[in-house]
PDB file of N, CA and C in Angstrom:
ATOM      1  N   MET A   1       0.826  -1.188   0.000  1.00  0.00           N
ATOM      2  CA  MET A   1       0.000   0.000   0.000  1.00  0.00           C
ATOM      3  C   MET A   1       0.868   1.247   0.000  1.00  0.00           C
ATOM      4  N   ALA A   2       1.909   1.265   0.832  1.00  0.00           N
ATOM      5  CA  ALA A   2       2.795   2.422   0.895  1.00  0.00           C
ATOM      6  C   ALA A   2       3.446   2.669  -0.453  1.00  0.00           C
ATOM      7  N   ALA A   3       3.759   1.585  -1.170  1.00  0.00           N
ATOM      8  CA  ALA A   3       4.367   1.738  -2.485  1.00  0.00           C
ATOM      9  C   ALA A   3       3.390   2.388  -3.456  1.00  0.00           C
ATOM     10  N   MET A   4       2.134   2.032  -3.352  1.00  0.00           N
ATOM     11  CA  MET A   4       1.130   2.622  -4.240  1.00  0.00           C
ATOM     12  C   MET A   4       0.929   4.096  -3.931  1.00  0.00           C
ATOM     13  N   VAL A   5       0.902   4.436  -2.653  1.00  0.00           N
ATOM     14  CA  VAL A   5       0.727   5.835  -2.281  1.00  0.00           C
ATOM     15  C   VAL A   5       1.918   6.640  -2.758  1.00  0.00           C
ATOM     16  N   GLY A   6       3.115   6.074  -2.608  1.00  0.00           N
ATOM     17  CA  GLY A   6       4.311   6.765  -3.073  1.00  0.00           C
ATOM     18  C   GLY A   6       4.313   6.932  -4.580  1.00  0.00           C
ATOM     19  N   ARG A   7       3.819   5.943  -5.282  1.00  0.00           N
ATOM     20  CA  ARG A   7       3.842   5.979  -6.744  1.00  0.00           C
ATOM     21  C   ARG A   7       2.747   6.882  -7.316  1.00  0.00           C
ATOM     22  N   TYR A   8       1.546   6.808  -6.766  1.00  0.00           N
ATOM     23  CA  TYR A   8       0.412   7.541  -7.330  1.00  0.00           C
ATOM     24  C   TYR A   8       0.008   8.760  -6.520  1.00  0.00           C
ATOM     25  N   GLY A   9       0.548   8.893  -5.348  1.00  0.00           N
ATOM     26  CA  GLY A   9       0.156  10.010  -4.491  1.00  0.00           C
ATOM     27  C   GLY A   9      -1.071   9.641  -3.682  1.00  0.00           C
ATOM     28  N   ALA A  10      -1.229  10.328  -2.604  1.00  0.00           N
ATOM     29  CA  ALA A  10      -2.381  10.067  -1.739  1.00  0.00           C
ATOM     30  C   ALA A  10      -3.649  10.547  -2.423  1.00  0.00           C
ATOM     31  N   ALA A  11      -4.679   9.765  -2.269  1.00  0.00           N
ATOM     32  CA  ALA A  11      -5.970  10.159  -2.850  1.00  0.00           C
ATOM     33  C   ALA A  11      -6.535  11.317  -2.044  1.00  0.00           C
ATOM     34  N   ARG A  12      -6.855  12.369  -2.724  1.00  0.00           N
ATOM     35  CA  ARG A  12      -7.432  13.539  -2.059  1.00  0.00           C
ATOM     36  C   ARG A  12      -8.817  13.786  -2.641  1.00  0.00           C
ATOM     37  N   PRO A  13      -9.765  13.962  -1.773  1.00  0.00           N
ATOM     38  CA  PRO A  13     -11.102  14.252  -2.310  1.00  0.00           C
ATOM     39  C   PRO A  13     -11.112  15.614  -2.991  1.00  0.00           C
ATOM     40  N   GLU A  14     -11.863  15.685  -4.046  1.00  0.00           N
ATOM     41  CA  GLU A  14     -11.986  16.960  -4.745  1.00  0.00           C
ATOM     42  C   GLU A  14     -12.808  17.912  -3.904  1.00  0.00           C
ATOM     43  N   PRO A  15     -12.456  19.197  -3.913  1.00  0.00           N
ATOM     44  CA  PRO A  15     -13.257  20.149  -3.136  1.00  0.00           C
ATOM     45  C   PRO A  15     -14.680  20.208  -3.679  1.00  0.00           C
ATOM     46  N   VAL A  16     -15.598  20.303  -2.778  1.00  0.00           N
ATOM     47  CA  VAL A  16     -17.008  20.357  -3.148  1.00  0.00           C
ATOM     48  C   VAL A  16     -17.507  21.771  -2.907  1.00  0.00           C
ATOM     49  N   ALA A  17     -18.122  22.336  -3.916  1.00  0.00           N
ATOM     50  CA  ALA A  17     -18.687  23.679  -3.771  1.00  0.00           C
ATOM     51  C   ALA A  17     -19.873  23.614  -2.822  1.00  0.00           C
ATOM     52  N   PRO A  18     -20.051  24.636  -2.010  1.00  0.00           N
ATOM     53  CA  PRO A  18     -21.210  24.627  -1.112  1.00  0.00           C
ATOM     54  C   PRO A  18     -22.507  24.617  -1.903  1.00  0.00           C
ATOM     55  N   ALA A  19     -23.471  23.935  -1.362  1.00  0.00           N
ATOM     56  CA  ALA A  19     -24.776  23.866  -2.026  1.00  0.00           C
ATOM     57  C   ALA A  19     -25.443  25.227  -2.003  1.00  0.00           C
ATOM     58  N   VAL A  20     -25.950  25.635  -3.136  1.00  0.00           N
ATOM     59  CA  VAL A  20     -26.665  26.898  -3.243  1.00  0.00           C
ATOM     60  C   VAL A  20     -28.104  26.577  -3.581  1.00  0.00           C
ATOM     61  N   ALA A  21     -29.005  27.131  -2.825  1.00  0.00           N
ATOM     62  CA  ALA A  21     -30.425  26.885  -3.085  1.00  0.00           C
ATOM     63  C   ALA A  21     -30.801  27.471  -4.436  1.00  0.00           C
ATOM     64  N   SER A  22     -31.489  26.692  -5.228  1.00  0.00           N
ATOM     65  CA  SER A  22     -31.933  27.201  -6.517  1.00  0.00           C
ATOM     66  C   SER A  22     -33.067  28.189  -6.296  1.00  0.00           C
ATOM     67  N   PRO A  23     -33.228  29.126  -7.236  1.00  0.00           N
ATOM     68  CA  PRO A  23     -34.321  30.086  -7.073  1.00  0.00           C
ATOM     69  C   PRO A  23     -35.683  29.414  -6.948  1.00  0.00           C
ATOM     70  N   ALA A  24     -35.832  28.242  -7.549  1.00  0.00           N
ATOM     71  CA  ALA A  24     -37.111  27.545  -7.463  1.00  0.00           C
ATOM     72  C   ALA A  24     -37.402  27.071  -6.044  1.00  0.00           C
ATOM     73  N   ALA A  25     -36.390  27.060  -5.182  1.00  0.00           N
ATOM     74  CA  ALA A  25     -36.588  26.606  -3.814  1.00  0.00           C
ATOM     75  C   ALA A  25     -37.198  27.686  -2.928  1.00  0.00           C
ATOM     76  N   THR A  26     -37.188  28.933  -3.377  1.00  0.00           N
ATOM     77  CA  THR A  26     -37.745  29.992  -2.542  1.00  0.00           C
ATOM     78  C   THR A  26     -39.265  29.901  -2.546  1.00  0.00           C
ATOM     79  N   PRO A  27     -39.896  30.296  -1.455  1.00  0.00           N
ATOM     80  CA  PRO A  27     -41.361  30.283  -1.423  1.00  0.00           C
ATOM     81  C   PRO A  27     -41.970  31.120  -2.547  1.00  0.00           C
ATOM     82  N   GLU A  28     -41.360  32.267  -2.838  1.00  0.00           N
ATOM     83  CA  GLU A  28     -41.893  33.130  -3.894  1.00  0.00           C
ATOM     84  C   GLU A  28     -41.863  32.430  -5.250  1.00  0.00           C
ATOM     85  N   ALA A  29     -40.755  31.776  -5.554  1.00  0.00           N
ATOM     86  CA  ALA A  29     -40.641  31.088  -6.840  1.00  0.00           C
ATOM     87  C   ALA A  29     -41.601  29.910  -6.927  1.00  0.00           C
ATOM     88  N   ARG A  30     -41.771  29.194  -5.823  1.00  0.00           N
ATOM     89  CA  ARG A  30     -42.698  28.069  -5.822  1.00  0.00           C
ATOM     90  C   ARG A  30     -44.134  28.542  -6.030  1.00  0.00           C
ATOM     91  N   LEU A  31     -44.489  29.668  -5.418  1.00  0.00           N
ATOM     92  CA  LEU A  31     -45.838  30.211  -5.617  1.00  0.00           C
ATOM     93  C   LEU A  31     -46.007  30.758  -7.025  1.00  0.00           C
ATOM     94  N   LEU A  32     -44.975  31.406  -7.530  1.00  0.00           N
ATOM     95  CA  LEU A  32     -45.048  31.950  -8.882  1.00  0.00           C
ATOM     96  C   LEU A  32     -45.300  30.837  -9.896  1.00  0.00           C
ATOM     97  N   ALA A  33     -44.694  29.679  -9.660  1.00  0.00           N
ATOM     98  CA  ALA A  33     -44.920  28.535 -10.545  1.00  0.00           C
ATOM     99  C   ALA A  33     -46.356  28.027 -10.445  1.00  0.00           C
ATOM    100  N   ALA A  34     -46.989  28.211  -9.291  1.00  0.00           N
ATOM    101  CA  ALA A  34     -48.368  27.747  -9.090  1.00  0.00           C
ATOM    102  C   ALA A  34     -49.396  28.756  -9.580  1.00  0.00           C
ATOM    103  N   LEU A  35     -48.993  30.001  -9.754  1.00  0.00           N
ATOM    104  CA  LEU A  35     -49.927  31.045 -10.191  1.00  0.00           C
ATOM    105  C   LEU A  35     -50.152  30.977 -11.695  1.00  0.00           C
ATOM    106  N   GLY A  36     -51.333  31.400 -12.110  1.00  0.00           N
ATOM    107  CA  GLY A  36     -51.655  31.463 -13.527  1.00  0.00           C
ATOM    108  C   GLY A  36     -52.638  32.591 -13.778  1.00  0.00           C
ATOM    109  N   ASP A  37     -53.340  32.519 -14.904  1.00  0.00           N
ATOM    110  CA  ASP A  37     -54.326  33.543 -15.254  1.00  0.00           C
ATOM    111  C   ASP A  37     -55.662  33.332 -14.553  1.00  0.00           C
ATOM    112  N   THR A  38     -55.922  32.115 -14.114  1.00  0.00           N
ATOM    113  CA  THR A  38     -57.161  31.803 -13.403  1.00  0.00           C
ATOM    114  C   THR A  38     -56.952  32.034 -11.915  1.00  0.00           C
ATOM    115  N   PRO A  39     -57.814  32.832 -11.275  1.00  0.00           N
ATOM    116  CA  PRO A  39     -57.646  33.076  -9.837  1.00  0.00           C
ATOM    117  C   PRO A  39     -57.703  31.773  -9.038  1.00  0.00           C
ATOM    118  N   ARG A  40     -56.767  31.641  -8.099  1.00  0.00           N
ATOM    119  CA  ARG A  40     -56.709  30.457  -7.236  1.00  0.00           C
ATOM    120  C   ARG A  40     -56.710  30.893  -5.785  1.00  0.00           C
ATOM    121  N   ALA A  41     -57.388  30.125  -4.947  1.00  0.00           N
ATOM    122  CA  ALA A  41     -57.463  30.412  -3.519  1.00  0.00           C
ATOM    123  C   ALA A  41     -56.091  30.234  -2.876  1.00  0.00           C
ATOM    124  N   VAL A  42     -55.868  31.008  -1.822  1.00  0.00           N
ATOM    125  CA  VAL A  42     -54.598  30.954  -1.098  1.00  0.00           C
ATOM    126  C   VAL A  42     -54.306  29.531  -0.628  1.00  0.00           C
ATOM    127  N   GLU A  43     -55.310  28.849  -0.111  1.00  0.00           N
ATOM    128  CA  GLU A  43     -55.107  27.492   0.389  1.00  0.00           C
ATOM    129  C   GLU A  43     -54.623  26.551  -0.716  1.00  0.00           C
ATOM    130  N   ARG A  44     -55.189  26.689  -1.895  1.00  0.00           N
ATOM    131  CA  ARG A  44     -54.779  25.831  -3.015  1.00  0.00           C
ATOM    132  C   ARG A  44     -53.373  26.180  -3.487  1.00  0.00           C
ATOM    133  N   LEU A  45     -53.060  27.479  -3.527  1.00  0.00           N
ATOM    134  CA  LEU A  45     -51.709  27.891  -3.908  1.00  0.00           C
ATOM    135  C   LEU A  45     -50.684  27.377  -2.905  1.00  0.00           C
ATOM    136  N   ALA A  46     -51.012  27.506  -1.624  1.00  0.00           N
ATOM    137  CA  ALA A  46     -50.102  27.034  -0.579  1.00  0.00           C
ATOM    138  C   ALA A  46     -49.864  25.533  -0.717  1.00  0.00           C
ATOM    139  N   ALA A  47     -50.929  24.780  -0.942  1.00  0.00           N
ATOM    140  CA  ALA A  47     -50.797  23.328  -1.100  1.00  0.00           C
ATOM    141  C   ALA A  47     -49.960  22.987  -2.334  1.00  0.00           C
ATOM    142  N   ALA A  48     -50.198  23.694  -3.436  1.00  0.00           N
ATOM    143  CA  ALA A  48     -49.450  23.432  -4.666  1.00  0.00           C
ATOM    144  C   ALA A  48     -47.966  23.743  -4.499  1.00  0.00           C
ATOM    145  N   ALA A  49     -47.662  24.744  -3.680  1.00  0.00           N
ATOM    146  CA  ALA A  49     -46.268  25.131  -3.455  1.00  0.00           C
ATOM    147  C   ALA A  49     -45.638  24.387  -2.286  1.00  0.00           C
ATOM    148  N   GLY A  50     -46.444  23.613  -1.559  1.00  0.00           N
ATOM    149  CA  GLY A  50     -45.926  22.885  -0.407  1.00  0.00           C
ATOM    150  C   GLY A  50     -45.557  23.791   0.750  1.00  0.00           C
ATOM    151  N   LEU A  51     -46.373  24.822   0.969  1.00  0.00           N
ATOM    152  CA  LEU A  51     -46.102  25.809   2.016  1.00  0.00           C
ATOM    153  C   LEU A  51     -47.263  25.898   2.991  1.00  0.00           C
ATOM    154  N   PRO A  52     -46.985  26.290   4.233  1.00  0.00           N
ATOM    155  CA  PRO A  52     -48.079  26.627   5.145  1.00  0.00           C
ATOM    156  C   PRO A  52     -48.783  27.884   4.621  1.00  0.00           C
ATOM    157  N   VAL A  53     -50.054  28.027   4.917  1.00  0.00           N
ATOM    158  CA  VAL A  53     -50.832  29.163   4.412  1.00  0.00           C
ATOM    159  C   VAL A  53     -50.212  30.491   4.845  1.00  0.00           C
ATOM    160  N   ALA A  54     -49.768  30.591   6.094  1.00  0.00           N
ATOM    161  CA  ALA A  54     -49.179  31.846   6.576  1.00  0.00           C
ATOM    162  C   ALA A  54     -47.938  32.224   5.773  1.00  0.00           C
ATOM    163  N   GLU A  55     -47.101  31.248   5.457  1.00  0.00           N
ATOM    164  CA  GLU A  55     -45.899  31.525   4.668  1.00  0.00           C
ATOM    165  C   GLU A  55     -46.266  31.885   3.236  1.00  0.00           C
ATOM    166  N   ALA A  56     -47.295  31.233   2.704  1.00  0.00           N
ATOM    167  CA  ALA A  56     -47.751  31.547   1.353  1.00  0.00           C
ATOM    168  C   ALA A  56     -48.275  32.976   1.276  1.00  0.00           C
ATOM    169  N   LEU A  57     -49.032  33.398   2.289  1.00  0.00           N
ATOM    170  CA  LEU A  57     -49.542  34.774   2.300  1.00  0.00           C
ATOM    171  C   LEU A  57     -48.403  35.786   2.337  1.00  0.00           C
ATOM    172  N   SER A  58     -47.393  35.513   3.124  1.00  0.00           N
ATOM    173  CA  SER A  58     -46.236  36.401   3.203  1.00  0.00           C
ATOM    174  C   SER A  58     -45.518  36.483   1.858  1.00  0.00           C
ATOM    175  N   ALA A  59     -45.321  35.341   1.226  1.00  0.00           N
ATOM    176  CA  ALA A  59     -44.644  35.313  -0.070  1.00  0.00           C
ATOM    177  C   ALA A  59     -45.501  35.963  -1.153  1.00  0.00           C
ATOM    178  N   LEU A  60     -46.819  35.784  -1.089  1.00  0.00           N
ATOM    179  CA  LEU A  60     -47.702  36.429  -2.066  1.00  0.00           C
ATOM    180  C   LEU A  60     -47.639  37.946  -1.942  1.00  0.00           C
ATOM    181  N   LEU A  61     -47.527  38.441  -0.730  1.00  0.00           N
ATOM    182  CA  LEU A  61     -47.394  39.883  -0.538  1.00  0.00           C
ATOM    183  C   LEU A  61     -46.098  40.386  -1.176  1.00  0.00           C
ATOM    184  N   ALA A  62     -45.015  39.646  -0.998  1.00  0.00           N
ATOM    185  CA  ALA A  62     -43.747  40.023  -1.625  1.00  0.00           C
ATOM    186  C   ALA A  62     -43.872  40.000  -3.146  1.00  0.00           C
ATOM    187  N   LEU A  63     -44.570  38.998  -3.679  1.00  0.00           N
ATOM    188  CA  LEU A  63     -44.787  38.934  -5.127  1.00  0.00           C
ATOM    189  C   LEU A  63     -45.654  40.095  -5.604  1.00  0.00           C
ATOM    190  N   ARG A  64     -46.625  40.494  -4.791  1.00  0.00           N
ATOM    191  CA  ARG A  64     -47.475  41.635  -5.150  1.00  0.00           C
ATOM    192  C   ARG A  64     -46.642  42.907  -5.224  1.00  0.00           C
ATOM    193  N   TRP A  65     -45.783  43.117  -4.231  1.00  0.00           N
ATOM    194  CA  TRP A  65     -44.923  44.307  -4.233  1.00  0.00           C
ATOM    195  C   TRP A  65     -43.986  44.318  -5.438  1.00  0.00           C
ATOM    196  N   ALA A  66     -43.599  43.142  -5.895  1.00  0.00           N
ATOM    197  CA  ALA A  66     -42.713  43.034  -7.054  1.00  0.00           C
ATOM    198  C   ALA A  66     -43.476  43.110  -8.374  1.00  0.00           C
ATOM    199  N   GLY A  67     -44.810  43.146  -8.301  1.00  0.00           N
ATOM    200  CA  GLY A  67     -45.621  43.202  -9.513  1.00  0.00           C
ATOM    201  C   GLY A  67     -45.783  41.857 -10.194  1.00  0.00           C
ATOM    202  N   ALA A  68     -45.459  40.774  -9.493  1.00  0.00           N
ATOM    203  CA  ALA A  68     -45.528  39.446 -10.090  1.00  0.00           C
ATOM    204  C   ALA A  68     -46.825  38.715  -9.783  1.00  0.00           C
ATOM    205  N   ALA A  69     -47.612  39.219  -8.823  1.00  0.00           N
ATOM    206  CA  ALA A  69     -48.884  38.593  -8.457  1.00  0.00           C
ATOM    207  C   ALA A  69     -49.885  39.681  -8.118  1.00  0.00           C
ATOM    208  N   SER A  70     -51.151  39.357  -8.314  1.00  0.00           N
ATOM    209  CA  SER A  70     -52.208  40.327  -8.055  1.00  0.00           C
ATOM    210  C   SER A  70     -53.370  39.650  -7.324  1.00  0.00           C
ATOM    211  N   PRO A  71     -53.863  40.285  -6.253  1.00  0.00           N
ATOM    212  CA  PRO A  71     -54.985  39.687  -5.523  1.00  0.00           C
ATOM    213  C   PRO A  71     -56.305  39.891  -6.258  1.00  0.00           C
ATOM    214  N   ARG A  72     -57.221  38.978  -6.028  1.00  0.00           N
ATOM    215  CA  ARG A  72     -58.584  39.060  -6.542  1.00  0.00           C
ATOM    216  C   ARG A  72     -59.534  38.873  -5.363  1.00  0.00           C
ATOM    217  N   PRO A  73     -60.809  39.221  -5.520  1.00  0.00           N
ATOM    218  CA  PRO A  73     -61.763  39.036  -4.417  1.00  0.00           C
ATOM    219  C   PRO A  73     -61.801  37.584  -3.940  1.00  0.00           C
ATOM    220  N   GLY A  74     -62.035  37.418  -2.637  1.00  0.00           N
ATOM    221  CA  GLY A  74     -62.153  36.084  -2.061  1.00  0.00           C
ATOM    222  C   GLY A  74     -60.818  35.432  -1.751  1.00  0.00           C
ATOM    223  N   GLN A  75     -59.806  36.216  -1.488  1.00  0.00           N
ATOM    224  CA  GLN A  75     -58.451  35.713  -1.221  1.00  0.00           C
ATOM    225  C   GLN A  75     -57.957  34.802  -2.336  1.00  0.00           C
ATOM    226  N   ARG A  76     -58.181  35.225  -3.549  1.00  0.00           N
ATOM    227  CA  ARG A  76     -57.686  34.501  -4.718  1.00  0.00           C
ATOM    228  C   ARG A  76     -56.605  35.352  -5.368  1.00  0.00           C
ATOM    229  N   TRP A  77     -55.682  34.682  -6.033  1.00  0.00           N
ATOM    230  CA  TRP A  77     -54.538  35.364  -6.624  1.00  0.00           C
ATOM    231  C   TRP A  77     -54.312  34.909  -8.053  1.00  0.00           C
ATOM    232  N   VAL A  78     -53.764  35.818  -8.871  1.00  0.00           N
ATOM    233  CA  VAL A  78     -53.371  35.514 -10.248  1.00  0.00           C
ATOM    234  C   VAL A  78     -51.946  36.017 -10.470  1.00  0.00           C
ATOM    235  N   ARG A  79     -51.349  35.536 -11.531  1.00  0.00           N
ATOM    236  CA  ARG A  79     -50.005  35.984 -11.894  1.00  0.00           C
ATOM    237  C   ARG A  79     -50.088  37.371 -12.525  1.00  0.00           C
ATOM    238  N   GLY A  80     -49.126  38.223 -12.244  1.00  0.00           N
ATOM    239  CA  GLY A  80     -49.025  39.536 -12.867  1.00  0.00           C
ATOM    240  C   GLY A  80     -49.788  40.619 -12.137  1.00  0.00           C
ATOM    241  N   THR A  81     -49.876  41.755 -12.780  1.00  0.00           N
ATOM    242  CA  THR A  81     -50.535  42.923 -12.196  1.00  0.00           C
ATOM    243  C   THR A  81     -51.934  43.087 -12.768  1.00  0.00           C
ATOM    244  N   PRO A  82     -52.791  43.836 -12.074  1.00  0.00           N
ATOM    245  CA  PRO A  82     -54.173  44.005 -12.562  1.00  0.00           C
ATOM    246  C   PRO A  82     -54.249  44.723 -13.885  1.00  0.00           C
TER     247      PRO A  82
END
């Protein structure tokens, strides 16, 4: 074994880059993917995005401020601005 290490060098693991969360992993991106032209209830959007309703509401507000989502009557949301 020592002869092999001397001949080929010690095996060194390659450095691994730290994992970076993809944009699709953010609550906002997950909700944006669930939004469309047809108004959907907050509960359905939250379920589609795999989020608790409270977190979905917070992310929807951020999307509204960014102009990416728009509220409709009855706590329903659509993609884009009115």
